[in-house]
């Protein structure tokens, strides 16, 4: 598994810096640069990879075979997690806020294509799920399942964005 994580890490580009050219900025003597994290990977971009890489490493270190997380129907977090899970051979479960529909939006279709099991939950259930922080026992979690709160919002994620 660690070999797969190393291989996945190797697929990411460095964030290019792009200088913003603007006459007003020039007059003020200001240089403005954008760090283009949106260009580090075609699927997992921005801070999603920066947060997920340490979480995935920890999940592997505790021998988790499944990562369970939550998000909305257009969740970038679930999108990134599903792709990473597929690349690493880790099962993923997405608790999705809202009702299941006959046709999936492109985000949800990607999640399914990458092997994420979707469970749709009501808004009330979703609010309850938000109360379960990392390290707490989520009711119904099975042995080998790793609970990851919404958006990957756990302390480990800070290692990637600090």
N, C-alpha and C. Protein backbone atom coordinates (compact mmCIF):
# COMPACT_ATOMS: atom_id res chain seq x y z
N UNK A 1 0.81 -1.21 0.00
CA UNK A 1 0.00 0.00 0.00
C UNK A 1 0.85 1.27 0.00
N UNK A 2 1.93 1.26 0.80
CA UNK A 2 2.77 2.45 0.84
C UNK A 2 3.40 2.70 -0.52
N UNK A 3 3.71 1.62 -1.25
CA UNK A 3 4.27 1.76 -2.59
C UNK A 3 3.28 2.50 -3.48
N UNK A 4 2.01 2.17 -3.36
CA UNK A 4 0.98 2.85 -4.16
C UNK A 4 0.87 4.31 -3.76
N UNK A 5 1.01 4.62 -2.47
CA UNK A 5 0.94 6.01 -2.02
C UNK A 5 2.12 6.80 -2.57
N UNK A 6 3.30 6.20 -2.56
CA UNK A 6 4.48 6.86 -3.13
C UNK A 6 4.27 7.10 -4.62
N UNK A 7 3.73 6.11 -5.31
CA UNK A 7 3.46 6.26 -6.75
C UNK A 7 2.43 7.34 -7.01
N UNK A 8 1.39 7.41 -6.17
CA UNK A 8 0.38 8.45 -6.33
C UNK A 8 0.99 9.83 -6.10
N UNK A 9 1.81 9.96 -5.06
CA UNK A 9 2.47 11.24 -4.79
C UNK A 9 3.30 11.70 -5.98
N UNK A 10 3.92 10.75 -6.67
CA UNK A 10 4.77 11.08 -7.81
C UNK A 10 3.98 11.65 -8.99
N UNK A 11 2.67 11.46 -9.00
CA UNK A 11 1.82 11.95 -10.09
C UNK A 11 1.50 13.44 -9.97
N UNK A 12 1.87 14.04 -8.86
CA UNK A 12 1.51 15.44 -8.62
C UNK A 12 2.63 16.37 -9.06
N UNK A 13 2.24 17.45 -9.70
CA UNK A 13 3.18 18.48 -10.13
C UNK A 13 3.38 19.48 -9.01
N UNK A 14 4.47 20.21 -9.10
CA UNK A 14 4.66 21.34 -8.20
C UNK A 14 3.69 22.45 -8.61
N UNK A 15 3.31 23.27 -7.66
CA UNK A 15 2.41 24.38 -7.97
C UNK A 15 3.17 25.47 -8.70
N UNK A 16 2.81 25.73 -9.96
CA UNK A 16 3.49 26.83 -10.65
C UNK A 16 3.05 28.18 -10.09
N UNK A 17 3.95 29.13 -10.17
CA UNK A 17 3.63 30.50 -9.78
C UNK A 17 3.39 31.31 -11.04
N UNK A 18 2.33 32.09 -11.05
CA UNK A 18 1.98 32.91 -12.20
C UNK A 18 1.95 34.37 -11.76
N UNK A 19 2.74 35.19 -12.44
CA UNK A 19 2.75 36.61 -12.12
C UNK A 19 1.55 37.29 -12.77
N UNK A 20 0.88 38.12 -12.00
CA UNK A 20 -0.25 38.90 -12.49
C UNK A 20 0.29 40.24 -13.00
N UNK A 21 0.05 40.50 -14.26
CA UNK A 21 0.50 41.74 -14.88
C UNK A 21 -0.68 42.72 -14.88
N UNK A 22 -0.47 43.85 -14.23
CA UNK A 22 -1.53 44.85 -14.15
C UNK A 22 -0.87 46.23 -14.01
N UNK A 23 -1.27 47.19 -14.85
CA UNK A 23 -0.65 48.52 -14.79
C UNK A 23 -0.78 49.19 -13.42
N UNK A 24 -1.93 49.02 -12.79
CA UNK A 24 -2.13 49.64 -11.48
C UNK A 24 -1.14 49.08 -10.46
N UNK A 25 -0.97 47.76 -10.47
CA UNK A 25 -0.01 47.14 -9.55
C UNK A 25 1.40 47.65 -9.84
N UNK A 26 1.73 47.78 -11.13
CA UNK A 26 3.05 48.30 -11.50
C UNK A 26 3.24 49.71 -10.96
N UNK A 27 2.22 50.55 -11.08
CA UNK A 27 2.31 51.93 -10.57
C UNK A 27 2.52 51.96 -9.06
N UNK A 28 1.97 50.99 -8.37
CA UNK A 28 2.11 50.93 -6.91
C UNK A 28 3.41 50.25 -6.49
N UNK A 29 4.13 49.71 -7.46
CA UNK A 29 5.36 48.99 -7.15
C UNK A 29 5.10 47.64 -6.49
N UNK A 30 3.96 47.05 -6.84
CA UNK A 30 3.55 45.79 -6.22
C UNK A 30 3.67 44.65 -7.24
N UNK A 31 4.25 43.55 -6.81
CA UNK A 31 4.24 42.32 -7.60
C UNK A 31 3.24 41.37 -6.97
N UNK A 32 2.37 40.80 -7.80
CA UNK A 32 1.37 39.86 -7.31
C UNK A 32 1.53 38.55 -8.06
N UNK A 33 1.66 37.47 -7.29
CA UNK A 33 1.84 36.14 -7.85
C UNK A 33 0.75 35.22 -7.33
N UNK A 34 0.24 34.35 -8.20
CA UNK A 34 -0.72 33.32 -7.81
C UNK A 34 0.01 31.98 -7.74
N UNK A 35 -0.23 31.26 -6.67
CA UNK A 35 0.25 29.89 -6.56
C UNK A 35 -0.85 29.01 -7.13
N UNK A 36 -0.59 28.32 -8.22
CA UNK A 36 -1.61 27.62 -8.99
C UNK A 36 -1.76 26.17 -8.55
N UNK A 37 -2.34 25.98 -7.35
CA UNK A 37 -2.59 24.63 -6.87
C UNK A 37 -3.63 23.90 -7.70
N UNK A 38 -4.38 24.64 -8.50
CA UNK A 38 -5.37 23.99 -9.37
C UNK A 38 -4.70 23.20 -10.49
N UNK A 39 -3.40 23.37 -10.66
CA UNK A 39 -2.69 22.70 -11.74
C UNK A 39 -1.80 21.54 -11.27
N UNK A 40 -1.91 21.15 -9.99
CA UNK A 40 -1.01 20.10 -9.50
C UNK A 40 -1.42 18.71 -9.97
N UNK A 41 -2.69 18.52 -10.28
CA UNK A 41 -3.17 17.20 -10.72
C UNK A 41 -4.49 17.40 -11.44
N UNK A 42 -4.78 16.59 -12.46
CA UNK A 42 -6.03 16.78 -13.20
C UNK A 42 -7.30 16.43 -12.43
N UNK A 43 -7.19 15.62 -11.37
CA UNK A 43 -8.38 15.22 -10.61
C UNK A 43 -8.36 15.79 -9.20
N UNK A 44 -7.26 15.59 -8.49
CA UNK A 44 -7.15 16.06 -7.10
C UNK A 44 -6.33 17.34 -7.11
N UNK A 45 -7.00 18.45 -7.09
CA UNK A 45 -6.27 19.71 -7.16
C UNK A 45 -6.50 20.55 -5.92
N UNK A 46 -5.83 21.66 -5.87
CA UNK A 46 -5.98 22.57 -4.75
C UNK A 46 -5.49 21.95 -3.46
N UNK A 47 -6.13 22.36 -2.38
CA UNK A 47 -5.69 21.88 -1.07
C UNK A 47 -6.17 20.47 -0.77
N UNK A 48 -6.98 19.88 -1.62
CA UNK A 48 -7.52 18.54 -1.34
C UNK A 48 -6.39 17.52 -1.20
N UNK A 49 -5.44 17.52 -2.13
CA UNK A 49 -4.32 16.59 -2.02
C UNK A 49 -3.45 16.92 -0.82
N UNK A 50 -3.20 18.18 -0.61
CA UNK A 50 -2.35 18.58 0.52
C UNK A 50 -2.93 18.06 1.83
N UNK A 51 -4.23 18.09 1.97
CA UNK A 51 -4.89 17.59 3.18
C UNK A 51 -4.95 16.06 3.19
N UNK A 52 -5.28 15.47 2.06
CA UNK A 52 -5.50 14.02 2.02
C UNK A 52 -4.24 13.18 2.17
N UNK A 53 -3.10 13.66 1.69
CA UNK A 53 -1.93 12.79 1.66
C UNK A 53 -1.53 12.27 3.04
N UNK A 54 -1.62 13.09 4.07
CA UNK A 54 -1.25 12.64 5.41
C UNK A 54 -2.35 11.79 6.04
N UNK A 55 -3.57 12.09 5.69
CA UNK A 55 -4.70 11.28 6.16
C UNK A 55 -4.61 9.88 5.57
N UNK A 56 -4.34 9.79 4.28
CA UNK A 56 -4.22 8.49 3.62
C UNK A 56 -3.07 7.68 4.21
N UNK A 57 -1.97 8.36 4.46
CA UNK A 57 -0.81 7.68 5.06
C UNK A 57 -1.18 7.11 6.43
N UNK A 58 -1.91 7.89 7.22
CA UNK A 58 -2.32 7.41 8.54
C UNK A 58 -3.31 6.25 8.42
N UNK A 59 -4.26 6.37 7.53
CA UNK A 59 -5.24 5.28 7.34
C UNK A 59 -4.52 3.99 6.97
N UNK A 60 -3.52 4.08 6.11
CA UNK A 60 -2.75 2.89 5.74
C UNK A 60 -1.98 2.35 6.94
N UNK A 61 -1.44 3.25 7.76
CA UNK A 61 -0.62 2.81 8.90
C UNK A 61 -1.43 2.08 9.96
N UNK A 62 -2.73 2.35 10.03
CA UNK A 62 -3.58 1.65 11.00
C UNK A 62 -4.34 0.49 10.33
N UNK A 63 -3.90 0.14 9.13
CA UNK A 63 -4.48 -0.98 8.38
C UNK A 63 -5.96 -0.83 8.06
N UNK A 64 -6.39 0.40 7.83
CA UNK A 64 -7.77 0.61 7.40
C UNK A 64 -7.94 0.06 5.99
N UNK A 65 -9.05 -0.62 5.76
CA UNK A 65 -9.32 -1.08 4.40
C UNK A 65 -10.40 -0.25 3.73
N UNK A 66 -11.04 0.62 4.52
CA UNK A 66 -12.13 1.46 4.01
C UNK A 66 -12.06 2.82 4.70
N UNK A 67 -12.26 3.88 3.92
CA UNK A 67 -12.38 5.23 4.48
C UNK A 67 -13.81 5.69 4.26
N UNK A 68 -14.46 6.10 5.35
CA UNK A 68 -15.84 6.58 5.31
C UNK A 68 -15.81 8.08 5.55
N UNK A 69 -16.43 8.84 4.65
CA UNK A 69 -16.47 10.29 4.82
C UNK A 69 -17.82 10.81 4.34
N UNK A 70 -17.96 12.12 4.35
CA UNK A 70 -19.25 12.72 4.03
C UNK A 70 -19.08 14.01 3.25
N UNK A 71 -20.12 14.36 2.50
CA UNK A 71 -20.10 15.60 1.74
C UNK A 71 -21.39 15.76 0.97
N UNK A 72 -21.49 16.86 0.29
CA UNK A 72 -22.66 17.13 -0.54
C UNK A 72 -22.55 16.45 -1.90
N UNK A 73 -23.57 16.63 -2.70
CA UNK A 73 -23.64 15.97 -4.01
C UNK A 73 -22.59 16.48 -4.99
N UNK A 74 -21.97 17.61 -4.70
CA UNK A 74 -20.92 18.16 -5.57
C UNK A 74 -19.61 18.30 -4.81
N UNK A 75 -19.40 17.46 -3.82
CA UNK A 75 -18.26 17.57 -2.91
C UNK A 75 -16.92 17.32 -3.60
N UNK A 76 -16.05 18.33 -3.58
CA UNK A 76 -14.69 18.15 -4.07
C UNK A 76 -13.92 17.20 -3.18
N UNK A 77 -14.21 17.22 -1.88
CA UNK A 77 -13.54 16.33 -0.94
C UNK A 77 -13.84 14.87 -1.28
N UNK A 78 -15.11 14.52 -1.44
CA UNK A 78 -15.46 13.14 -1.78
C UNK A 78 -14.89 12.75 -3.14
N UNK A 79 -14.88 13.69 -4.06
CA UNK A 79 -14.33 13.45 -5.39
C UNK A 79 -12.86 13.07 -5.29
N UNK A 80 -12.10 13.85 -4.54
CA UNK A 80 -10.67 13.57 -4.37
C UNK A 80 -10.45 12.26 -3.62
N UNK A 81 -11.24 12.03 -2.58
CA UNK A 81 -11.10 10.82 -1.78
C UNK A 81 -11.40 9.57 -2.61
N UNK A 82 -12.46 9.60 -3.41
CA UNK A 82 -12.82 8.45 -4.23
C UNK A 82 -11.71 8.11 -5.21
N UNK A 83 -11.17 9.14 -5.85
CA UNK A 83 -10.09 8.90 -6.81
C UNK A 83 -8.86 8.33 -6.11
N UNK A 84 -8.47 8.94 -5.00
CA UNK A 84 -7.29 8.46 -4.26
C UNK A 84 -7.51 7.04 -3.77
N UNK A 85 -8.69 6.75 -3.26
CA UNK A 85 -8.99 5.40 -2.81
C UNK A 85 -8.87 4.38 -3.93
N UNK A 86 -9.38 4.74 -5.10
CA UNK A 86 -9.29 3.85 -6.25
C UNK A 86 -7.84 3.62 -6.63
N UNK A 87 -7.03 4.67 -6.61
CA UNK A 87 -5.61 4.54 -6.96
C UNK A 87 -4.84 3.70 -5.95
N UNK A 88 -5.24 3.77 -4.68
CA UNK A 88 -4.53 3.07 -3.61
C UNK A 88 -5.10 1.69 -3.30
N UNK A 89 -6.25 1.37 -3.87
CA UNK A 89 -6.89 0.10 -3.56
C UNK A 89 -7.56 0.09 -2.19
N UNK A 90 -7.96 1.27 -1.72
CA UNK A 90 -8.69 1.39 -0.45
C UNK A 90 -10.16 1.63 -0.79
N UNK A 91 -11.04 0.88 -0.16
CA UNK A 91 -12.48 1.10 -0.38
C UNK A 91 -12.87 2.45 0.22
N UNK A 92 -13.84 3.09 -0.39
CA UNK A 92 -14.34 4.36 0.12
C UNK A 92 -15.86 4.32 0.18
N UNK A 93 -16.39 4.99 1.20
CA UNK A 93 -17.83 5.12 1.37
C UNK A 93 -18.12 6.61 1.53
N UNK A 94 -19.05 7.11 0.74
CA UNK A 94 -19.45 8.51 0.83
C UNK A 94 -20.86 8.63 1.37
N UNK A 95 -20.99 9.33 2.48
CA UNK A 95 -22.31 9.65 3.03
C UNK A 95 -22.69 10.99 2.42
N UNK A 96 -23.64 10.96 1.51
CA UNK A 96 -23.97 12.12 0.69
C UNK A 96 -25.25 12.77 1.19
N UNK A 97 -25.17 14.08 1.44
CA UNK A 97 -26.34 14.84 1.89
C UNK A 97 -27.33 14.97 0.73
N UNK A 98 -28.57 14.53 0.96
CA UNK A 98 -29.60 14.69 -0.05
C UNK A 98 -30.22 13.37 -0.47
N UNK A 99 -31.13 13.48 -1.38
CA UNK A 99 -31.88 12.32 -1.86
C UNK A 99 -31.21 11.72 -3.09
N UNK A 100 -31.28 10.41 -3.21
CA UNK A 100 -30.78 9.74 -4.41
C UNK A 100 -31.71 10.07 -5.57
N UNK A 101 -31.14 10.29 -6.72
CA UNK A 101 -31.93 10.54 -7.92
C UNK A 101 -31.60 9.47 -8.94
N UNK A 102 -32.47 9.35 -9.95
CA UNK A 102 -32.23 8.32 -10.97
C UNK A 102 -30.96 8.59 -11.75
N UNK A 103 -30.72 9.84 -12.09
CA UNK A 103 -29.50 10.16 -12.82
C UNK A 103 -28.55 10.91 -11.88
N UNK A 104 -27.31 10.50 -11.90
CA UNK A 104 -26.30 11.11 -11.04
C UNK A 104 -25.68 12.31 -11.72
N UNK A 105 -25.33 13.33 -10.94
CA UNK A 105 -24.59 14.45 -11.51
C UNK A 105 -23.17 13.97 -11.83
N UNK A 106 -22.39 14.74 -12.59
CA UNK A 106 -21.05 14.28 -12.98
C UNK A 106 -20.14 13.95 -11.79
N UNK A 107 -20.24 14.69 -10.71
CA UNK A 107 -19.41 14.41 -9.54
C UNK A 107 -19.76 13.05 -8.96
N UNK A 108 -21.04 12.81 -8.72
CA UNK A 108 -21.47 11.53 -8.15
C UNK A 108 -21.18 10.37 -9.10
N UNK A 109 -21.29 10.61 -10.40
CA UNK A 109 -20.96 9.56 -11.37
C UNK A 109 -19.49 9.18 -11.27
N UNK A 110 -18.61 10.19 -11.13
CA UNK A 110 -17.18 9.91 -10.94
C UNK A 110 -16.95 9.08 -9.68
N UNK A 111 -17.63 9.45 -8.59
CA UNK A 111 -17.46 8.71 -7.33
C UNK A 111 -17.79 7.23 -7.56
N UNK A 112 -18.90 6.97 -8.22
CA UNK A 112 -19.29 5.59 -8.51
C UNK A 112 -18.28 4.91 -9.43
N UNK A 113 -17.85 5.62 -10.46
CA UNK A 113 -16.89 5.05 -11.41
C UNK A 113 -15.58 4.67 -10.72
N UNK A 114 -15.22 5.41 -9.69
CA UNK A 114 -13.98 5.14 -8.95
C UNK A 114 -14.21 4.18 -7.78
N UNK A 115 -15.40 3.61 -7.69
CA UNK A 115 -15.67 2.56 -6.72
C UNK A 115 -16.18 3.00 -5.36
N UNK A 116 -16.49 4.26 -5.19
CA UNK A 116 -17.02 4.71 -3.90
C UNK A 116 -18.46 4.22 -3.74
N UNK A 117 -18.75 3.64 -2.59
CA UNK A 117 -20.13 3.27 -2.26
C UNK A 117 -20.82 4.52 -1.73
N UNK A 118 -21.96 4.84 -2.29
CA UNK A 118 -22.70 6.03 -1.86
C UNK A 118 -23.87 5.65 -0.98
N UNK A 119 -24.03 6.41 0.10
CA UNK A 119 -25.20 6.26 0.95
C UNK A 119 -25.78 7.66 1.12
N UNK A 120 -26.99 7.85 0.65
CA UNK A 120 -27.63 9.16 0.74
C UNK A 120 -28.30 9.29 2.10
N UNK A 121 -28.10 10.45 2.72
CA UNK A 121 -28.66 10.69 4.05
C UNK A 121 -29.46 11.99 4.04
N UNK A 122 -30.45 12.04 4.90
CA UNK A 122 -31.29 13.24 5.00
C UNK A 122 -30.47 14.39 5.60
N UNK A 123 -30.99 15.58 5.48
CA UNK A 123 -30.31 16.75 6.06
C UNK A 123 -30.19 16.60 7.58
N UNK A 124 -31.20 16.04 8.21
CA UNK A 124 -31.16 15.83 9.66
C UNK A 124 -30.06 14.83 10.03
N UNK A 125 -29.99 13.73 9.29
CA UNK A 125 -28.93 12.74 9.54
C UNK A 125 -27.55 13.36 9.31
N UNK A 126 -27.46 14.18 8.28
CA UNK A 126 -26.19 14.82 7.95
C UNK A 126 -25.74 15.74 9.09
N UNK A 127 -26.68 16.49 9.65
CA UNK A 127 -26.35 17.36 10.80
C UNK A 127 -25.82 16.53 11.96
N UNK A 128 -26.44 15.38 12.19
CA UNK A 128 -25.97 14.49 13.27
C UNK A 128 -24.56 13.98 12.97
N UNK A 129 -24.31 13.61 11.73
CA UNK A 129 -22.99 13.11 11.35
C UNK A 129 -21.91 14.16 11.58
N UNK A 130 -22.25 15.42 11.36
CA UNK A 130 -21.28 16.50 11.57
C UNK A 130 -20.78 16.57 13.01
N UNK A 131 -21.56 16.05 13.94
CA UNK A 131 -21.16 16.11 15.35
C UNK A 131 -20.08 15.08 15.69
N UNK A 132 -19.85 14.10 14.81
CA UNK A 132 -18.84 13.07 15.07
C UNK A 132 -17.50 13.52 14.51
N UNK A 133 -16.62 13.87 15.41
CA UNK A 133 -15.30 14.35 15.02
C UNK A 133 -14.37 13.16 14.84
N UNK A 134 -13.22 13.42 14.26
CA UNK A 134 -12.21 12.39 14.07
C UNK A 134 -11.81 11.84 15.44
N UNK A 135 -11.65 10.54 15.51
CA UNK A 135 -11.27 9.90 16.77
C UNK A 135 -12.47 9.44 17.58
N UNK A 136 -13.65 9.93 17.24
CA UNK A 136 -14.86 9.46 17.91
C UNK A 136 -15.40 8.25 17.16
N UNK A 137 -16.14 7.44 17.85
CA UNK A 137 -16.72 6.26 17.23
C UNK A 137 -18.02 6.64 16.53
N UNK A 138 -18.02 6.48 15.23
CA UNK A 138 -19.22 6.72 14.45
C UNK A 138 -20.10 5.48 14.57
N UNK A 139 -21.36 5.62 15.00
CA UNK A 139 -22.23 4.45 15.10
C UNK A 139 -22.29 3.68 13.78
N UNK A 140 -22.14 2.38 13.86
CA UNK A 140 -22.21 1.55 12.67
C UNK A 140 -20.89 1.35 11.96
N UNK A 141 -19.83 2.02 12.42
CA UNK A 141 -18.52 1.85 11.79
C UNK A 141 -17.99 0.45 12.11
N UNK A 142 -17.51 -0.23 11.10
CA UNK A 142 -17.03 -1.60 11.26
C UNK A 142 -15.52 -1.62 11.45
N UNK A 143 -15.00 -2.75 11.92
CA UNK A 143 -13.55 -2.91 12.06
C UNK A 143 -12.89 -2.68 10.70
N UNK A 144 -11.80 -1.96 10.68
CA UNK A 144 -11.09 -1.67 9.44
C UNK A 144 -11.59 -0.44 8.72
N UNK A 145 -12.67 0.17 9.23
CA UNK A 145 -13.19 1.39 8.61
C UNK A 145 -12.64 2.61 9.35
N UNK A 146 -12.23 3.59 8.58
CA UNK A 146 -11.58 4.80 9.08
C UNK A 146 -12.54 5.97 8.87
N UNK A 147 -12.94 6.63 9.94
CA UNK A 147 -13.87 7.75 9.86
C UNK A 147 -13.12 9.03 9.55
N UNK A 148 -13.52 9.72 8.49
CA UNK A 148 -12.93 10.99 8.09
C UNK A 148 -14.05 12.02 8.01
N UNK A 149 -14.09 12.98 8.94
CA UNK A 149 -15.16 13.98 8.92
C UNK A 149 -15.19 14.79 7.62
N UNK A 150 -16.27 15.50 7.45
CA UNK A 150 -16.53 16.31 6.26
C UNK A 150 -15.32 17.16 5.88
N UNK A 151 -14.98 17.12 4.61
CA UNK A 151 -13.92 17.96 4.09
C UNK A 151 -12.52 17.54 4.52
N UNK A 152 -12.40 16.41 5.20
CA UNK A 152 -11.08 16.00 5.70
C UNK A 152 -10.60 16.90 6.82
N UNK A 153 -11.55 17.45 7.56
CA UNK A 153 -11.23 18.44 8.60
C UNK A 153 -10.74 17.76 9.88
N UNK A 154 -9.49 17.31 9.84
CA UNK A 154 -8.86 16.74 11.04
C UNK A 154 -7.46 17.34 11.17
N UNK A 155 -6.89 17.17 12.33
CA UNK A 155 -5.58 17.78 12.60
C UNK A 155 -4.50 17.31 11.63
N UNK A 156 -4.53 16.05 11.25
CA UNK A 156 -3.54 15.53 10.29
C UNK A 156 -3.53 16.34 8.99
N UNK A 157 -4.67 16.82 8.58
CA UNK A 157 -4.76 17.58 7.33
C UNK A 157 -3.93 18.85 7.38
N UNK A 158 -3.76 19.39 8.58
CA UNK A 158 -3.00 20.64 8.72
C UNK A 158 -1.54 20.46 8.34
N UNK A 159 -1.03 19.24 8.43
CA UNK A 159 0.36 18.99 8.03
C UNK A 159 0.57 19.34 6.56
N UNK A 160 -0.46 19.18 5.76
CA UNK A 160 -0.33 19.45 4.34
C UNK A 160 -0.57 20.88 3.93
N UNK A 161 -1.16 21.66 4.81
CA UNK A 161 -1.48 23.05 4.43
C UNK A 161 -0.76 24.08 5.29
N UNK A 162 0.04 23.61 6.23
CA UNK A 162 0.77 24.54 7.11
C UNK A 162 1.96 25.14 6.40
